[in-house]
Amino acid sequence: MRRLLGYDAGMELEEGMGSKYGILVGFDNSRKAYTGTSRLVITVPEDASKVEWIEVVFIEDGIPRLLHEVIETRNSIKIGEAGEYIVIEGYGRINYQRDILKALSEKSGIPLDALEGKVDFKRVGGSGKIDGKISALKDITVDDKVVFKEGDVIAIIEMESTISGESFKDPPEGAIDDLKDHIQLDRYKSTQYGIAIGFSYDPEQMLAEEPGVPPLIKVYTRDELLRGWD
């Protein structure tokens, strides 16, 4: 590595492996592998015969650091946190916000162009808190009628994430249950929609900013979520 990058750059890479840098390797069968160890030990995917590319990944920023931890530990909490940031706020070339707004538009009847550029996506997270929310950055009008005022929480988001590689067939029940609980809180008493998302991703693919299987998105009205308490 020192020969390839030069002595100083090679030394910096070696010293920062696992804390500052990681190595992502692409193979000829379209599979990828990752290492964060200074020994640069990588498990070669089955059926791979040669390396196509090597990329140095900075893991100082939030999402790369989370993905690094997912790859190294397979920690279920980190899997969920990384998935939430990727889907709700986006990461590099990966952005699912328009897909979420399309689903919200179809459910609410509000035209997509009335929402785009006028809402804010925020990942919240934490114990007992929603995973994310969509808020109005300005008044949103349809046919000269204000449907959401600036600052309104339009929808709350709950997610379940996995790195199983299998796409979700149905909205995750855990996310739906969390929506039912959280939409009853006083701070969301005016929120009209809840969004349940199931996201299955490949962490190496995400590090390379390559979209994989799109998330499953299901939008519910407030009344639909509260119906179980009637």
C-alpha atoms as a PDB file:
ATOM      1  CA  MET A   1       0.000   0.000   0.000  1.00  0.00           C
ATOM      2  CA  ARG A   2       2.887   2.377   0.731  1.00  0.00           C
ATOM      3  CA  ARG A   3       4.371   1.546  -2.670  1.00  0.00           C
ATOM      4  CA  LEU A   4       1.029   2.257  -4.333  1.00  0.00           C
ATOM      5  CA  LEU A   5       0.188   5.516  -2.538  1.00  0.00           C
ATOM      6  CA  GLY A   6       3.605   6.788  -1.541  1.00  0.00           C
ATOM      7  CA  TYR A   7       5.211   6.425   1.882  1.00  0.00           C
ATOM      8  CA  ASP A   8       3.463   9.296   3.724  1.00  0.00           C
ATOM      9  CA  ALA A   9      -0.006   8.605   2.321  1.00  0.00           C
ATOM     10  CA  GLY A  10       0.441   4.884   2.861  1.00  0.00           C
ATOM     11  CA  MET A  11       1.464   5.382   6.484  1.00  0.00           C
ATOM     12  CA  GLU A  12      -1.503   7.689   7.128  1.00  0.00           C
ATOM     13  CA  LEU A  13      -3.864   5.115   5.645  1.00  0.00           C
ATOM     14  CA  GLU A  14      -2.407   2.287   7.735  1.00  0.00           C
ATOM     15  CA  GLU A  15      -2.556   4.304  10.943  1.00  0.00           C
ATOM     16  CA  GLY A  16      -6.115   5.452  10.287  1.00  0.00           C
ATOM     17  CA  MET A  17      -7.591   2.101   9.221  1.00  0.00           C
ATOM     18  CA  GLY A  18     -10.679   1.261  11.232  1.00  0.00           C
ATOM     19  CA  SER A  19     -10.949   4.680  12.859  1.00  0.00           C
ATOM     20  CA  LYS A  20     -10.643   7.068   9.935  1.00  0.00           C
ATOM     21  CA  TYR A  21     -10.479   4.963   6.777  1.00  0.00           C
ATOM     22  CA  GLY A  22     -11.759   1.701   5.372  1.00  0.00           C
ATOM     23  CA  ILE A  23     -11.119  -0.156   2.113  1.00  0.00           C
ATOM     24  CA  LEU A  24     -13.941  -1.173  -0.222  1.00  0.00           C
ATOM     25  CA  VAL A  25     -13.037  -3.666  -2.964  1.00  0.00           C
ATOM     26  CA  GLY A  26     -15.086  -4.466  -6.068  1.00  0.00           C
ATOM     27  CA  PHE A  27     -14.759  -7.829  -7.837  1.00  0.00           C
ATOM     28  CA  ASP A  28     -15.490  -9.043 -11.353  1.00  0.00           C
ATOM     29  CA  ASN A  29     -18.753 -10.742 -10.311  1.00  0.00           C
ATOM     30  CA  SER A  30     -20.196  -7.399  -9.130  1.00  0.00           C
ATOM     31  CA  ARG A  31     -19.732  -8.377  -5.476  1.00  0.00           C
ATOM     32  CA  LYS A  32     -17.981  -6.161  -2.949  1.00  0.00           C
ATOM     33  CA  ALA A  33     -15.996  -6.684   0.228  1.00  0.00           C
ATOM     34  CA  TYR A  34     -14.886  -4.316   2.959  1.00  0.00           C
ATOM     35  CA  THR A  35     -12.149  -4.191   5.563  1.00  0.00           C
ATOM     36  CA  GLY A  36     -11.320  -1.769   8.330  1.00  0.00           C
ATOM     37  CA  THR A  37      -8.260  -3.608   9.641  1.00  0.00           C
ATOM     38  CA  SER A  38      -4.677  -2.429   9.156  1.00  0.00           C
ATOM     39  CA  ARG A  39      -3.738  -5.910   7.896  1.00  0.00           C
ATOM     40  CA  LEU A  40      -6.106  -5.314   4.939  1.00  0.00           C
ATOM     41  CA  VAL A  41      -7.585  -8.795   5.223  1.00  0.00           C
ATOM     42  CA  ILE A  42     -10.609  -9.176   2.944  1.00  0.00           C
ATOM     43  CA  THR A  43     -12.864 -12.176   2.431  1.00  0.00           C
ATOM     44  CA  VAL A  44     -13.086 -12.802  -1.319  1.00  0.00           C
ATOM     45  CA  PRO A  45     -16.703 -13.385  -2.399  1.00  0.00           C
ATOM     46  CA  GLU A  46     -17.573 -16.745  -3.898  1.00  0.00           C
ATOM     47  CA  ASP A  47     -17.116 -16.978  -7.713  1.00  0.00           C
ATOM     48  CA  ALA A  48     -14.931 -13.838  -7.814  1.00  0.00           C
ATOM     49  CA  SER A  49     -11.725 -14.239  -9.844  1.00  0.00           C
ATOM     50  CA  LYS A  50     -10.179 -10.772  -9.889  1.00  0.00           C
ATOM     51  CA  VAL A  51     -10.344  -7.318  -8.339  1.00  0.00           C
ATOM     52  CA  GLU A  52     -11.955  -4.646 -10.524  1.00  0.00           C
ATOM     53  CA  TRP A  53     -11.473  -1.613  -8.285  1.00  0.00           C
ATOM     54  CA  ILE A  54     -10.348  -0.488  -4.827  1.00  0.00           C
ATOM     55  CA  GLU A  55     -11.776   2.523  -3.000  1.00  0.00           C
ATOM     56  CA  VAL A  56     -10.601   4.223   0.188  1.00  0.00           C
ATOM     57  CA  VAL A  57     -13.678   5.116   2.275  1.00  0.00           C
ATOM     58  CA  PHE A  58     -13.697   7.896   4.857  1.00  0.00           C
ATOM     59  CA  ILE A  59     -15.554   6.686   7.949  1.00  0.00           C
ATOM     60  CA  GLU A  60     -15.345   9.907   9.953  1.00  0.00           C
ATOM     61  CA  ASP A  61     -18.758  11.100   8.768  1.00  0.00           C
ATOM     62  CA  GLY A  62     -21.923   9.737  10.337  1.00  0.00           C
ATOM     63  CA  ILE A  63     -23.321   7.311   7.767  1.00  0.00           C
ATOM     64  CA  PRO A  64     -19.984   5.779   6.664  1.00  0.00           C
ATOM     65  CA  ARG A  65     -19.088   5.295  10.323  1.00  0.00           C
ATOM     66  CA  LEU A  66     -22.398   3.548  10.985  1.00  0.00           C
ATOM     67  CA  LEU A  67     -22.010   1.359   7.909  1.00  0.00           C
ATOM     68  CA  HIS A  68     -18.476   0.494   9.013  1.00  0.00           C
ATOM     69  CA  GLU A  69     -19.852  -0.650  12.373  1.00  0.00           C
ATOM     70  CA  VAL A  70     -22.629  -2.623  10.661  1.00  0.00           C
ATOM     71  CA  ILE A  71     -20.087  -4.464   8.510  1.00  0.00           C
ATOM     72  CA  GLU A  72     -17.752  -5.168  11.411  1.00  0.00           C
ATOM     73  CA  THR A  73     -20.288  -6.095  14.100  1.00  0.00           C
ATOM     74  CA  ARG A  74     -23.660  -6.806  12.426  1.00  0.00           C
ATOM     75  CA  ASN A  75     -25.154  -4.917  15.391  1.00  0.00           C
ATOM     76  CA  SER A  76     -28.938  -4.740  14.919  1.00  0.00           C
ATOM     77  CA  ILE A  77     -29.182  -1.269  16.456  1.00  0.00           C
ATOM     78  CA  LYS A  78     -26.529   0.094  14.079  1.00  0.00           C
ATOM     79  CA  ILE A  79     -28.269  -1.620  11.144  1.00  0.00           C
ATOM     80  CA  GLY A  80     -31.426   0.301  12.023  1.00  0.00           C
ATOM     81  CA  GLU A  81     -29.683   3.634  12.604  1.00  0.00           C
ATOM     82  CA  ALA A  82     -27.794   3.483   9.309  1.00  0.00           C
ATOM     83  CA  GLY A  83     -30.963   2.502   7.441  1.00  0.00           C
ATOM     84  CA  GLU A  84     -32.888   5.409   8.939  1.00  0.00           C
ATOM     85  CA  TYR A  85     -30.286   7.985   7.921  1.00  0.00           C
ATOM     86  CA  ILE A  86     -29.941   6.554   4.403  1.00  0.00           C
ATOM     87  CA  VAL A  87     -33.680   6.462   3.686  1.00  0.00           C
ATOM     88  CA  ILE A  88     -34.862   9.556   5.541  1.00  0.00           C
ATOM     89  CA  GLU A  89     -32.007  11.997   4.901  1.00  0.00           C
ATOM     90  CA  GLY A  90     -30.172  10.372   1.977  1.00  0.00           C
ATOM     91  CA  TYR A  91     -26.532   9.494   1.502  1.00  0.00           C
ATOM     92  CA  GLY A  92     -24.394  10.632  -1.438  1.00  0.00           C
ATOM     93  CA  ARG A  93     -26.040   9.530  -4.673  1.00  0.00           C
ATOM     94  CA  ILE A  94     -28.674   7.564  -2.762  1.00  0.00           C
ATOM     95  CA  ASN A  95     -31.891   9.463  -2.111  1.00  0.00           C
ATOM     96  CA  TYR A  96     -35.333   7.978  -1.517  1.00  0.00           C
ATOM     97  CA  GLN A  97     -37.081  11.192  -0.504  1.00  0.00           C
ATOM     98  CA  ARG A  98     -38.869  11.547  -3.835  1.00  0.00           C
ATOM     99  CA  ASP A  99     -40.150   7.974  -3.548  1.00  0.00           C
ATOM    100  CA  ILE A 100     -41.546   8.797  -0.103  1.00  0.00           C
ATOM    101  CA  LEU A 101     -43.166  11.991  -1.381  1.00  0.00           C
ATOM    102  CA  LYS A 102     -44.716  10.110  -4.323  1.00  0.00           C
ATOM    103  CA  ALA A 103     -46.314   7.652  -1.906  1.00  0.00           C
ATOM    104  CA  LEU A 104     -47.518  10.526   0.299  1.00  0.00           C
ATOM    105  CA  SER A 105     -48.901  12.344  -2.749  1.00  0.00           C
ATOM    106  CA  GLU A 106     -50.818   9.277  -3.910  1.00  0.00           C
ATOM    107  CA  LYS A 107     -52.337   8.743  -0.459  1.00  0.00           C
ATOM    108  CA  SER A 108     -53.174  12.369   0.290  1.00  0.00           C
ATOM    109  CA  GLY A 109     -54.163  13.541  -3.167  1.00  0.00           C
ATOM    110  CA  ILE A 110     -51.758  16.472  -2.841  1.00  0.00           C
ATOM    111  CA  PRO A 111     -49.856  16.938  -6.129  1.00  0.00           C
ATOM    112  CA  LEU A 112     -46.208  15.957  -5.963  1.00  0.00           C
ATOM    113  CA  ASP A 113     -45.073  19.351  -7.235  1.00  0.00           C
ATOM    114  CA  ALA A 114     -46.902  20.999  -4.316  1.00  0.00           C
ATOM    115  CA  LEU A 115     -44.700  19.044  -1.911  1.00  0.00           C
ATOM    116  CA  GLU A 116     -41.285  18.958  -3.590  1.00  0.00           C
ATOM    117  CA  GLY A 117     -38.946  21.672  -2.379  1.00  0.00           C
ATOM    118  CA  LYS A 118     -41.380  22.716   0.333  1.00  0.00           C
ATOM    119  CA  VAL A 119     -40.797  20.029   2.949  1.00  0.00           C
ATOM    120  CA  ASP A 120     -37.976  19.003   5.256  1.00  0.00           C
ATOM    121  CA  PHE A 121     -36.987  15.405   6.008  1.00  0.00           C
ATOM    122  CA  LYS A 122     -35.412  14.825   9.417  1.00  0.00           C
ATOM    123  CA  ARG A 123     -34.178  11.654  11.056  1.00  0.00           C
ATOM    124  CA  VAL A 124     -35.036  11.838  14.764  1.00  0.00           C
ATOM    125  CA  GLY A 125     -34.329   8.458  16.377  1.00  0.00           C
ATOM    126  CA  GLY A 126     -33.621   7.526  19.956  1.00  0.00           C
ATOM    127  CA  SER A 127     -35.419   5.460  22.565  1.00  0.00           C
ATOM    128  CA  GLY A 128     -39.157   6.095  22.575  1.00  0.00           C
ATOM    129  CA  LYS A 129     -38.927   8.600  19.726  1.00  0.00           C
ATOM    130  CA  ILE A 130     -40.090   8.504  16.128  1.00  0.00           C
ATOM    131  CA  ASP A 131     -37.534   7.481  13.514  1.00  0.00           C
ATOM    132  CA  GLY A 132     -38.175  10.535  11.371  1.00  0.00           C
ATOM    133  CA  LYS A 133     -40.602  13.198  10.241  1.00  0.00           C
ATOM    134  CA  ILE A 134     -41.591  15.340   7.274  1.00  0.00           C
ATOM    135  CA  SER A 135     -42.340  18.984   8.067  1.00  0.00           C
ATOM    136  CA  ALA A 136     -43.547  21.915   5.966  1.00  0.00           C
ATOM    137  CA  LEU A 137     -40.827  24.489   5.247  1.00  0.00           C
ATOM    138  CA  LYS A 138     -43.488  26.960   4.059  1.00  0.00           C
ATOM    139  CA  ASP A 139     -47.240  27.043   3.615  1.00  0.00           C
ATOM    140  CA  ILE A 140     -48.327  24.328   1.183  1.00  0.00           C
ATOM    141  CA  THR A 141     -51.334  25.226  -0.939  1.00  0.00           C
ATOM    142  CA  VAL A 142     -53.557  23.274  -3.315  1.00  0.00           C
ATOM    143  CA  ASP A 143     -56.084  25.175  -5.437  1.00  0.00           C
ATOM    144  CA  ASP A 144     -55.379  28.327  -3.411  1.00  0.00           C
ATOM    145  CA  LYS A 145     -56.196  26.507  -0.168  1.00  0.00           C
ATOM    146  CA  VAL A 146     -53.570  26.072   2.561  1.00  0.00           C
ATOM    147  CA  VAL A 147     -53.379  22.346   3.376  1.00  0.00           C
ATOM    148  CA  PHE A 148     -50.292  22.560   5.596  1.00  0.00           C
ATOM    149  CA  LYS A 149     -48.883  25.588   7.376  1.00  0.00           C
ATOM    150  CA  GLU A 150     -45.187  26.340   7.771  1.00  0.00           C
ATOM    151  CA  GLY A 151     -43.797  24.192  10.581  1.00  0.00           C
ATOM    152  CA  ASP A 152     -46.573  21.577  10.495  1.00  0.00           C
ATOM    153  CA  VAL A 153     -45.446  17.964  10.906  1.00  0.00           C
ATOM    154  CA  ILE A 154     -47.037  16.442   7.812  1.00  0.00           C
ATOM    155  CA  ALA A 155     -46.057  12.849   8.534  1.00  0.00           C
ATOM    156  CA  ILE A 156     -44.112  10.800  11.037  1.00  0.00           C
ATOM    157  CA  ILE A 157     -41.913   7.929   9.849  1.00  0.00           C
ATOM    158  CA  GLU A 158     -41.168   4.573  11.437  1.00  0.00           C
ATOM    159  CA  MET A 159     -38.806   2.015   9.915  1.00  0.00           C
ATOM    160  CA  GLU A 160     -37.420  -1.469  10.162  1.00  0.00           C
ATOM    161  CA  SER A 161     -34.112  -2.246   8.445  1.00  0.00           C
ATOM    162  CA  THR A 162     -32.299  -5.464   7.637  1.00  0.00           C
ATOM    163  CA  ILE A 163     -29.156  -6.495   5.784  1.00  0.00           C
ATOM    164  CA  SER A 164     -30.627  -9.871   4.855  1.00  0.00           C
ATOM    165  CA  GLY A 165     -30.701  -8.937   1.171  1.00  0.00           C
ATOM    166  CA  GLU A 166     -34.362  -9.909   0.923  1.00  0.00           C
ATOM    167  CA  SER A 167     -36.824  -7.139   0.109  1.00  0.00           C
ATOM    168  CA  PHE A 168     -39.835  -6.560   2.336  1.00  0.00           C
ATOM    169  CA  LYS A 169     -43.068  -8.017   0.960  1.00  0.00           C
ATOM    170  CA  ASP A 170     -45.344  -6.299   3.482  1.00  0.00           C
ATOM    171  CA  PRO A 171     -45.058  -3.187   5.651  1.00  0.00           C
ATOM    172  CA  PRO A 172     -43.198  -4.124   8.864  1.00  0.00           C
ATOM    173  CA  GLU A 173     -45.638  -4.663  11.736  1.00  0.00           C
ATOM    174  CA  GLY A 174     -43.226  -3.171  14.267  1.00  0.00           C
ATOM    175  CA  ALA A 175     -43.125   0.104  12.340  1.00  0.00           C
ATOM    176  CA  ILE A 176     -46.925   0.187  12.082  1.00  0.00           C
ATOM    177  CA  ASP A 177     -47.290  -0.425  15.829  1.00  0.00           C
ATOM    178  CA  ASP A 178     -44.842   2.416  16.552  1.00  0.00           C
ATOM    179  CA  LEU A 179     -46.835   4.736  14.283  1.00  0.00           C
ATOM    180  CA  LYS A 180     -50.030   3.865  16.142  1.00  0.00           C
ATOM    181  CA  ASP A 181     -48.371   4.701  19.465  1.00  0.00           C
ATOM    182  CA  HIS A 182     -46.552   7.865  18.463  1.00  0.00           C
ATOM    183  CA  ILE A 183     -49.331   9.529  16.473  1.00  0.00           C
ATOM    184  CA  GLN A 184     -51.317   9.674  19.730  1.00  0.00           C
ATOM    185  CA  LEU A 185     -48.691  11.839  21.437  1.00  0.00           C
ATOM    186  CA  ASP A 186     -49.637  15.475  22.065  1.00  0.00           C
ATOM    187  CA  ARG A 187     -46.794  16.786  19.886  1.00  0.00           C
ATOM    188  CA  TYR A 188     -48.258  14.925  16.896  1.00  0.00           C
ATOM    189  CA  LYS A 189     -51.942  15.527  17.597  1.00  0.00           C
ATOM    190  CA  SER A 190     -52.277  17.491  14.345  1.00  0.00           C
ATOM    191  CA  THR A 191     -50.179  15.136  12.213  1.00  0.00           C
ATOM    192  CA  GLN A 192     -52.347  13.582   9.516  1.00  0.00           C
ATOM    193  CA  TYR A 193     -50.119  10.823   8.116  1.00  0.00           C
ATOM    194  CA  GLY A 194     -47.835   8.038   9.263  1.00  0.00           C
ATOM    195  CA  ILE A 195     -45.334   6.296   6.993  1.00  0.00           C
ATOM    196  CA  ALA A 196     -44.090   2.747   7.600  1.00  0.00           C
ATOM    197  CA  ILE A 197     -40.917   1.778   5.730  1.00  0.00           C
ATOM    198  CA  GLY A 198     -39.137  -1.542   5.353  1.00  0.00           C
ATOM    199  CA  PHE A 199     -35.561  -1.284   4.068  1.00  0.00           C
ATOM    200  CA  SER A 200     -33.185  -4.121   3.211  1.00  0.00           C
ATOM    201  CA  TYR A 201     -29.707  -3.065   2.163  1.00  0.00           C
ATOM    202  CA  ASP A 202     -26.176  -4.249   1.486  1.00  0.00           C
ATOM    203  CA  PRO A 203     -23.790  -2.137   3.634  1.00  0.00           C
ATOM    204  CA  GLU A 204     -20.868  -2.507   1.190  1.00  0.00           C
ATOM    205  CA  GLN A 205     -23.134  -1.386  -1.638  1.00  0.00           C
ATOM    206  CA  MET A 206     -24.297   1.600   0.400  1.00  0.00           C
ATOM    207  CA  LEU A 207     -20.685   2.623   1.122  1.00  0.00           C
ATOM    208  CA  ALA A 208     -20.120   2.691  -2.622  1.00  0.00           C
ATOM    209  CA  GLU A 209     -23.265   4.854  -2.951  1.00  0.00           C
ATOM    210  CA  GLU A 210     -24.933   2.282  -5.179  1.00  0.00           C
ATOM    211  CA  PRO A 211     -28.721   1.992  -4.717  1.00  0.00           C
ATOM    212  CA  GLY A 212     -29.919  -1.529  -4.115  1.00  0.00           C
ATOM    213  CA  VAL A 213     -33.453  -2.786  -3.530  1.00  0.00           C
ATOM    214  CA  PRO A 214     -35.702   0.254  -2.991  1.00  0.00           C
ATOM    215  CA  PRO A 215     -37.474   0.512   0.351  1.00  0.00           C
ATOM    216  CA  LEU A 216     -41.073  -0.623   0.791  1.00  0.00           C
ATOM    217  CA  ILE A 217     -43.115   2.477   1.636  1.00  0.00           C
ATOM    218  CA  LYS A 218     -46.669   2.471   2.978  1.00  0.00           C
ATOM    219  CA  VAL A 219     -48.575   5.617   3.952  1.00  0.00           C
ATOM    220  CA  TYR A 220     -51.447   5.580   6.438  1.00  0.00           C
ATOM    221  CA  THR A 221     -53.882   8.308   7.401  1.00  0.00           C
ATOM    222  CA  ARG A 222     -54.257   9.298  11.019  1.00  0.00           C
ATOM    223  CA  ASP A 223     -57.734   7.729  11.094  1.00  0.00           C
ATOM    224  CA  GLU A 224     -56.399   4.421   9.752  1.00  0.00           C
ATOM    225  CA  LEU A 225     -53.764   4.282  12.478  1.00  0.00           C
ATOM    226  CA  LEU A 226     -56.183   5.157  15.262  1.00  0.00           C
ATOM    227  CA  ARG A 227     -58.929   2.805  14.113  1.00  0.00           C
ATOM    228  CA  GLY A 228     -57.687   0.081  16.473  1.00  0.00           C
ATOM    229  CA  TRP A 229     -58.575   2.301  19.461  1.00  0.00           C
ATOM    230  CA  ASP A 230     -62.168   2.973  18.411  1.00  0.00           C
END
